[in-house]
């Protein structure tokens, strides 16, 4: 035993998985568009061009949603596990995060590095940045800083900028909580991050990498999730109110997503998207959850089951989808793909990413997660 009090945590939340699934699908759509240009495909007849442009190019809003969910779940899980944020055990917190993040990250870096060393162009760098330095920057959460200095330099590794933001948050969160101890001071620190975020993006609005990928450009979304997790413990709402609030939140987020490109609203666009996600999570956390079976689940939730599945596997999908896409670009260059065939290749890409993500989760990341937690904590898992 570690001597730490580790309380059991709740099961996965289906609606949060739906929100996470929508986020990862928007990221997959963005990256496929960059590879194969969906604006020149049959999809162009489905939506007016301005809305289609925003649909395929605003995938970074999906990452904003991930940040809010991450802040919310990390904070709410810590509250359940330790009783209060001031009582967090950094050792236990880091053990849980290490077991979840590192095995998959090391595997995907090994694959990308091996293919880069084999001179497969889609996996190498374009600006003479050592693959080993790039790997180190991903593992030690300053890859976004390197991108700010070097620009886009590695097709596969550059998408891992968001991990640097999240890992920096994971590293600092328990230390900040133990230092501040009082919930009100922790909330005040979160409010400060929420205020600084749009100011930082305003200062760097001329620099895409800085206003999209900088730590201070993203911490406000994470902070909104943290604040929501603290505040939601004081509220309770009935299910009908939850449904109306979440529907309104999703409608607002959809409007933000389709209305304008994120590059044209760098200051308030991410803030508004993060607020929408936080409202959705607040409504979910404030409602009294009950275990539901597939038979008693509302029809719209059953229809969205595939989206929730993507949400459950979003980490594996985020890491490994870019390997699938880089392989497709190598074997199937954009100029060889007929315009009419692009939707079919999009389906193939999403299905292949889903299959690989499921295999990685089922046979590698989940067993490694359980095994590492048991070994690092030397206590039965809750």
Foldseek 3Di string as FASTA:
>chain_A
DQPAQFADDDDDDLVLLLLLLVLLVQVLLQLLCVFFPLCLFPVVVVDPVLLVCLSRNASLLSLLLVLLQLLQVLQLNQCRTRVALLRDDLLLLVLLVCLQPPQLLVVLLVVLVVVVVVVLPLSHWDQPDDSVVLSVCLVQLNNLVVCVVRPGTHQQSNLSLSSSLVVVCSNCRSVVCNVVVDPVVLLVVLVVLLVQQLVQCVVCLVPVSRCSRNNSVRSNLSSLSNNLNVVLVVAADEPVVLVVQLVVLVVQLSCLSRVHHCSVVSRCSSVSSSVSSSSNVSSVSRYDDDDDDPVPDDPVSNVSVVSSLCSVLVVQLSNCLSVVSSVCCSVPHNVNDDSHCSVVVSVVSVVVSSVRSVCCCPPPSVVSSLVSSCVSSVDDDD
